[in-house]
Amino acid sequence: MRPNLWLLSLLACASLAPVARAAPPDAAGGTVTLRIENDALNGTDRYYTAGEHLGWTSAPGQVPDGLASLAHALWGEGQQRIGIGLTQLLFTPENTQIVPPNPHDRPYAGLLLAGASLIEDSARTRNVLGLDLGVIGPAALGADVQNGFHTVLGETTTSGWGTQLPNQPVVELTGQRIWRLPLARPGRFEIDALPEVAAGLGTWRIYAETGAVLRFGQGLDADFGAPRSRPGLSGDDAYTPTRRISWYVFVGVDGQAVGWDETLNGEPFRNTRHVTLQPLLGEVEAGVSVIAFGVRASFVHVVQTQSFRHQRGGLFQFDSATISIPF
């Protein structure tokens, strides 16, 4: 599947805009976020082959009293938001034209998740608690979406979705903490670091993650890093424009210890398609993010080590493009 290239064009145009320090526009109604992830720009169509996310994040302080009390109990005083969203993730083997697929290759799997998150910010930290509910299997509509796009684009359709993992409910709880550490101010620019720890526990994936992002730019206090779909380094969809135009380039490294991944291990307690996961996963990412007149556009390129035994093709690469618009 090919990503929406208009997102990349918008990002390139925004990154060339001049920097101004005037007060940012009001975003009291929150923001809507659209994210597209795909490996097509790297010339492949395999493994984590596509992801789409549509979400809404509230303005600061627009949190129900019960959730505000929970945030205070967990993290103390801070600025709070809530987020909701719908995410679809698609996984395929390397060779999508043979049926049945190679038994040593990644199984076909689609996930469709409805998620909610509670976000708490202080001047130097961000805490995120998330809950995803959904399904893995044909009900996630992976075959319909991928082959539908391939048909529209005139590309070869994928043959093996009939062998995908069967329908199973998904419940996933995630937690994350990011620290924002200013490092230097060379001239009009800023440099900071964003160390992060995160973990997930649920029927889809059980993992722990740690890593850090190094950023260079202007207006770094507007967010806690570029967003992308988890697992992996993500600053989340929430941001606060602090000037008319903010921007930064970044590079990040993270490591994940993975105890369970249903898209690799297969359905528990049944003999479904499965491979042997690699318990340690590493990633390097780099990209650019721009906030212009309240609109944020980000692009992230991710390079990932092998996630399962017998994975072919060396390091796996994919890209993530996100745009968020206040309303």
Protein backbone atom coordinates (compact mmCIF):
# COMPACT_ATOMS: atom_id res chain seq x y z
CA MET A 1 0.00 0.00 0.00
CA ARG A 2 1.23 3.48 -0.80
CA PRO A 3 1.11 6.27 1.81
CA ASN A 4 -0.79 9.49 1.18
CA LEU A 5 2.00 11.53 -0.38
CA TRP A 6 0.08 14.79 0.03
CA LEU A 7 0.94 14.58 3.72
CA LEU A 8 4.63 14.59 2.88
CA SER A 9 4.18 17.54 0.53
CA LEU A 10 2.38 19.51 3.23
CA LEU A 11 5.18 18.75 5.67
CA ALA A 12 7.84 19.90 3.21
CA CYS A 13 6.02 23.19 2.59
CA ALA A 14 5.53 23.82 6.31
CA SER A 15 9.20 23.17 7.05
CA LEU A 16 10.23 26.03 4.72
CA ALA A 17 8.05 28.64 6.45
CA PRO A 18 9.81 31.46 8.36
CA VAL A 19 9.96 31.37 12.16
CA ALA A 20 7.91 33.92 14.14
CA ARG A 21 7.43 34.45 17.85
CA ALA A 22 3.93 35.91 17.87
CA ALA A 23 1.32 34.34 20.15
CA PRO A 24 -0.11 31.08 18.77
CA PRO A 25 -3.75 30.66 17.81
CA ASP A 26 -6.23 29.33 20.34
CA ALA A 27 -6.97 25.59 20.09
CA ALA A 28 -9.57 25.42 22.87
CA GLY A 29 -11.61 22.79 21.03
CA GLY A 30 -8.87 20.18 20.78
CA THR A 31 -7.25 18.62 17.72
CA VAL A 32 -8.04 15.97 15.12
CA THR A 33 -5.15 13.72 14.04
CA LEU A 34 -4.70 11.57 10.94
CA ARG A 35 -1.72 9.21 10.69
CA ILE A 36 -0.61 6.94 7.84
CA GLU A 37 2.19 4.36 8.29
CA ASN A 38 3.57 2.24 5.47
CA ASP A 39 6.68 0.49 4.19
CA ALA A 40 6.04 1.35 0.52
CA LEU A 41 8.57 4.21 0.31
CA ASN A 42 11.25 1.61 1.08
CA GLY A 43 10.20 -0.56 -1.87
CA THR A 44 8.60 -3.33 0.19
CA ASP A 45 5.13 -4.65 1.02
CA ARG A 46 5.61 -7.00 3.96
CA TYR A 47 5.64 -7.51 7.74
CA TYR A 48 4.18 -4.34 9.34
CA THR A 49 2.96 -3.18 5.96
CA ALA A 50 0.38 -0.50 6.84
CA GLY A 51 -1.28 1.38 9.67
CA GLU A 52 -3.93 4.08 9.83
CA HIS A 53 -5.06 6.16 12.81
CA LEU A 54 -7.80 8.75 13.24
CA GLY A 55 -8.03 10.42 16.63
CA TRP A 56 -9.21 13.37 18.67
CA THR A 57 -7.34 14.97 21.57
CA SER A 58 -9.03 17.38 23.95
CA ALA A 59 -7.74 20.81 24.85
CA PRO A 60 -5.90 21.05 28.20
CA GLY A 61 -8.24 20.81 31.17
CA GLN A 62 -11.17 19.29 29.26
CA VAL A 63 -11.17 16.10 31.30
CA PRO A 64 -14.06 14.52 33.25
CA ASP A 65 -13.73 14.95 37.01
CA GLY A 66 -13.24 11.24 37.66
CA LEU A 67 -10.35 10.98 35.19
CA ALA A 68 -8.83 14.22 36.51
CA SER A 69 -8.85 12.73 40.01
CA LEU A 70 -7.24 9.54 38.70
CA ALA A 71 -4.49 11.57 37.00
CA HIS A 72 -3.81 13.52 40.21
CA ALA A 73 -3.64 10.27 42.20
CA LEU A 74 -1.22 8.68 39.72
CA TRP A 75 1.05 11.60 38.86
CA GLY A 76 0.26 14.62 41.03
CA GLU A 77 -0.68 18.05 39.71
CA GLY A 78 -0.34 18.70 36.00
CA GLN A 79 -2.09 19.72 32.80
CA GLN A 80 -4.46 16.99 31.63
CA ARG A 81 -6.01 15.91 28.34
CA ILE A 82 -7.93 12.92 27.06
CA GLY A 83 -7.61 11.31 23.65
CA ILE A 84 -9.76 8.86 21.71
CA GLY A 85 -9.03 7.18 18.41
CA LEU A 86 -9.49 4.36 15.93
CA THR A 87 -6.42 2.47 14.67
CA GLN A 88 -5.97 -0.28 12.10
CA LEU A 89 -2.69 -2.22 11.76
CA LEU A 90 -1.89 -4.71 8.98
CA PHE A 91 0.76 -7.46 9.01
CA THR A 92 1.65 -9.80 6.13
CA PRO A 93 4.43 -12.25 5.25
CA GLU A 94 7.27 -11.35 2.90
CA ASN A 95 5.79 -13.22 -0.05
CA THR A 96 2.10 -12.33 -0.38
CA GLN A 97 1.51 -14.29 -3.62
CA ILE A 98 1.84 -17.89 -2.40
CA VAL A 99 -0.97 -19.84 -0.71
CA PRO A 100 -0.52 -21.26 1.80
CA PRO A 101 2.24 -18.89 2.97
CA ASN A 102 5.65 -20.09 4.02
CA PRO A 103 5.15 -21.61 7.52
CA HIS A 104 8.33 -19.86 8.70
CA ASP A 105 7.06 -16.44 7.60
CA ARG A 106 4.96 -13.94 9.56
CA PRO A 107 1.24 -14.81 9.64
CA TYR A 108 -1.34 -12.53 8.07
CA ALA A 109 -2.99 -10.46 10.79
CA GLY A 110 -5.14 -7.37 10.99
CA LEU A 111 -5.96 -5.39 14.13
CA LEU A 112 -8.75 -2.86 14.56
CA LEU A 113 -8.55 -0.96 17.86
CA ALA A 114 -10.67 1.68 19.55
CA GLY A 115 -8.50 3.47 22.09
CA ALA A 116 -8.70 6.03 24.86
CA SER A 117 -5.83 7.72 26.70
CA LEU A 118 -5.33 9.95 29.72
CA ILE A 119 -2.45 12.42 29.29
CA GLU A 120 -0.81 14.50 32.02
CA ASP A 121 1.88 17.12 31.35
CA SER A 122 4.16 19.11 33.60
CA ALA A 123 6.89 21.48 32.45
CA ARG A 124 9.37 18.59 32.11
CA THR A 125 7.36 15.34 31.95
CA ARG A 126 4.50 13.67 30.10
CA ASN A 127 2.59 10.65 31.42
CA VAL A 128 0.18 8.64 29.27
CA LEU A 129 -2.15 5.83 30.33
CA GLY A 130 -3.96 4.12 27.44
CA LEU A 131 -6.56 1.41 26.93
CA ASP A 132 -7.28 -0.24 23.56
CA LEU A 133 -10.23 -2.54 22.86
CA GLY A 134 -10.76 -4.24 19.54
CA VAL A 135 -10.30 -7.34 17.45
CA ILE A 136 -7.60 -9.27 15.65
CA GLY A 137 -8.74 -11.31 12.66
CA PRO A 138 -11.05 -10.98 9.63
CA ALA A 139 -13.34 -8.58 11.53
CA ALA A 140 -10.46 -6.05 11.50
CA LEU A 141 -11.05 -5.73 7.71
CA GLY A 142 -7.37 -6.06 6.82
CA ALA A 143 -8.02 -7.97 3.59
CA ASP A 144 -10.72 -5.52 2.47
CA VAL A 145 -8.57 -2.45 3.10
CA GLN A 146 -5.30 -3.71 1.63
CA ASN A 147 -6.72 -5.38 -1.46
CA GLY A 148 -9.19 -2.55 -1.95
CA PHE A 149 -6.36 -0.01 -2.13
CA HIS A 150 -4.28 -2.29 -4.34
CA THR A 151 -7.21 -2.62 -6.76
CA VAL A 152 -7.78 1.14 -6.88
CA LEU A 153 -4.07 1.75 -7.52
CA GLY A 154 -3.89 -0.95 -10.18
CA GLU A 155 -1.47 -3.08 -8.17
CA THR A 156 -1.36 -6.84 -7.59
CA THR A 157 -3.67 -7.91 -4.79
CA THR A 158 -2.51 -9.97 -1.83
CA SER A 159 -3.42 -13.66 -2.07
CA GLY A 160 -3.12 -15.13 1.41
CA TRP A 161 -5.55 -13.23 3.65
CA GLY A 162 -7.69 -16.38 3.81
CA THR A 163 -5.02 -17.84 6.10
CA GLN A 164 -4.99 -14.92 8.55
CA LEU A 165 -5.29 -15.38 12.29
CA PRO A 166 -8.91 -16.00 13.39
CA ASN A 167 -11.08 -13.45 15.19
CA GLN A 168 -10.03 -12.81 18.77
CA PRO A 169 -10.85 -9.90 21.10
CA VAL A 170 -8.03 -7.53 21.97
CA VAL A 171 -7.59 -5.78 25.32
CA GLU A 172 -4.37 -3.80 25.73
CA LEU A 173 -3.29 -1.50 28.58
CA THR A 174 -0.27 0.76 28.00
CA GLY A 175 1.66 3.21 30.13
CA GLN A 176 4.36 5.72 29.17
CA ARG A 177 6.49 8.41 30.76
CA ILE A 178 8.62 10.94 28.86
CA TRP A 179 11.10 13.41 30.36
CA ARG A 180 11.96 16.63 28.50
CA LEU A 181 15.56 17.61 29.32
CA PRO A 182 16.90 20.91 27.83
CA LEU A 183 20.55 20.48 26.85
CA ALA A 184 21.75 23.66 25.08
CA ARG A 185 20.65 26.87 23.34
CA PRO A 186 23.11 27.59 20.50
CA GLY A 187 22.05 31.00 19.23
CA ARG A 188 18.36 31.07 18.37
CA PHE A 189 18.12 27.27 18.41
CA GLU A 190 17.41 24.68 21.10
CA ILE A 191 18.64 21.17 21.79
CA ASP A 192 16.91 18.76 24.15
CA ALA A 193 16.63 15.06 24.97
CA LEU A 194 13.48 13.01 25.54
CA PRO A 195 14.21 9.85 27.55
CA GLU A 196 11.22 7.51 27.67
CA VAL A 197 10.01 4.34 29.36
CA ALA A 198 6.86 2.48 28.33
CA ALA A 199 5.14 -0.86 28.79
CA GLY A 200 2.17 -2.76 27.43
CA LEU A 201 0.13 -5.60 28.91
CA GLY A 202 -2.69 -7.34 27.11
CA THR A 203 -3.87 -10.00 24.72
CA TRP A 204 -2.08 -8.43 21.74
CA ARG A 205 1.36 -7.64 23.13
CA ILE A 206 3.31 -7.82 26.39
CA TYR A 207 6.43 -5.68 26.32
CA ALA A 208 8.66 -3.16 28.07
CA GLU A 209 10.46 -0.38 26.22
CA THR A 210 13.08 2.25 26.93
CA GLY A 211 14.80 4.76 24.68
CA ALA A 212 15.47 8.42 24.00
CA VAL A 213 15.09 11.07 21.30
CA LEU A 214 17.54 13.93 20.61
CA ARG A 215 15.98 17.06 19.03
CA PHE A 216 17.31 20.26 17.42
CA GLY A 217 15.06 23.16 16.45
CA GLN A 218 12.94 26.01 17.78
CA GLY A 219 9.92 25.92 20.08
CA LEU A 220 10.70 22.50 21.53
CA ASP A 221 8.39 23.13 24.50
CA ALA A 222 5.37 22.70 22.19
CA ASP A 223 5.34 18.90 22.47
CA PHE A 224 7.16 15.80 23.71
CA GLY A 225 8.31 14.47 20.37
CA ALA A 226 6.79 13.40 17.07
CA PRO A 227 3.88 10.95 17.25
CA ARG A 228 3.68 7.48 15.74
CA SER A 229 1.68 4.35 16.49
CA ARG A 230 2.86 2.33 19.47
CA PRO A 231 4.85 0.30 20.29
CA GLY A 232 7.88 2.49 19.65
CA LEU A 233 9.02 5.99 20.59
CA SER A 234 6.03 8.33 20.38
CA GLY A 235 5.45 11.81 21.74
CA ASP A 236 1.68 11.19 21.48
CA ASP A 237 -0.93 13.22 19.58
CA ALA A 238 -1.15 16.02 22.19
CA TYR A 239 0.73 19.28 21.66
CA THR A 240 0.48 22.96 22.66
CA PRO A 241 1.50 25.62 20.10
CA THR A 242 3.79 28.09 21.90
CA ARG A 243 4.60 30.28 18.87
CA ARG A 244 3.35 30.79 15.34
CA ILE A 245 5.85 28.31 13.93
CA SER A 246 7.89 25.69 15.77
CA TRP A 247 10.06 23.02 14.18
CA TYR A 248 12.66 20.40 14.94
CA VAL A 249 14.64 17.53 13.44
CA PHE A 250 15.33 14.50 15.57
CA VAL A 251 16.90 11.09 15.93
CA GLY A 252 15.91 8.42 18.45
CA VAL A 253 16.89 4.94 19.61
CA ASP A 254 14.83 2.45 21.61
CA GLY A 255 14.91 -1.16 22.73
CA GLN A 256 11.96 -3.43 23.50
CA ALA A 257 11.79 -6.63 25.54
CA VAL A 258 8.83 -8.60 24.13
CA GLY A 259 7.22 -11.46 26.03
CA TRP A 260 4.18 -11.98 23.78
CA ASP A 261 2.92 -10.78 20.40
CA GLU A 262 -0.25 -12.48 19.13
CA THR A 263 0.45 -11.41 15.54
CA LEU A 264 3.59 -13.59 15.76
CA ASN A 265 2.77 -16.20 18.42
CA GLY A 266 -0.70 -16.94 17.04
CA GLU A 267 -3.89 -17.51 18.98
CA PRO A 268 -3.23 -18.80 22.53
CA PHE A 269 -4.32 -22.34 23.43
CA ARG A 270 -4.93 -23.22 19.76
CA ASN A 271 -2.66 -24.43 16.97
CA THR A 272 -2.96 -21.45 14.62
CA ARG A 273 -0.26 -20.09 12.30
CA HIS A 274 2.69 -18.77 14.27
CA VAL A 275 6.41 -18.06 14.23
CA THR A 276 8.99 -17.70 17.00
CA LEU A 277 9.31 -14.08 18.10
CA GLN A 278 12.64 -12.44 18.87
CA PRO A 279 12.40 -11.34 22.51
CA LEU A 280 14.64 -8.29 22.01
CA LEU A 281 13.77 -5.67 19.38
CA GLY A 282 15.72 -2.50 18.55
CA GLU A 283 14.73 0.59 16.58
CA VAL A 284 16.39 3.72 15.23
CA GLU A 285 14.18 6.57 14.02
CA ALA A 286 14.75 9.98 12.47
CA GLY A 287 12.51 12.69 11.12
CA VAL A 288 11.13 16.21 11.22
CA SER A 289 8.15 17.88 12.86
CA VAL A 290 6.63 21.32 12.19
CA ILE A 291 3.87 23.20 14.04
CA ALA A 292 2.65 26.06 11.84
CA PHE A 293 -0.24 28.27 12.96
CA GLY A 294 -1.59 25.53 15.21
CA VAL A 295 -1.30 22.70 12.68
CA ARG A 296 1.31 20.00 13.36
CA ALA A 297 2.83 17.82 10.60
CA SER A 298 5.42 15.14 11.32
CA PHE A 299 7.35 12.56 9.35
CA VAL A 300 9.27 9.66 10.95
CA HIS A 301 11.47 7.05 9.27
CA VAL A 302 11.93 3.89 11.36
CA VAL A 303 14.58 1.17 11.01
CA GLN A 304 13.82 -1.97 13.02
CA THR A 305 15.70 -5.18 13.85
CA GLN A 306 14.14 -8.56 13.15
CA SER A 307 10.99 -9.27 15.17
CA PHE A 308 10.83 -13.04 14.53
CA ARG A 309 13.14 -15.94 13.78
CA HIS A 310 13.77 -16.61 10.06
CA GLN A 311 12.73 -13.03 9.15
CA ARG A 312 14.30 -12.23 5.79
CA GLY A 313 15.59 -9.03 4.24
CA GLY A 314 17.75 -7.72 7.09
CA LEU A 315 16.62 -4.56 8.85
CA PHE A 316 12.97 -3.67 8.31
CA GLN A 317 12.03 -0.07 7.47
CA PHE A 318 8.76 1.87 7.41
CA ASP A 319 7.57 5.48 7.51
CA SER A 320 5.00 7.36 9.55
CA ALA A 321 3.33 10.64 8.46
CA THR A 322 0.98 12.52 10.82
CA ILE A 323 -1.04 15.70 10.55
CA SER A 324 -3.01 17.26 13.42
CA ILE A 325 -5.46 20.14 12.95
CA PRO A 326 -7.07 22.25 15.72
CA PHE A 327 -10.76 23.07 15.59
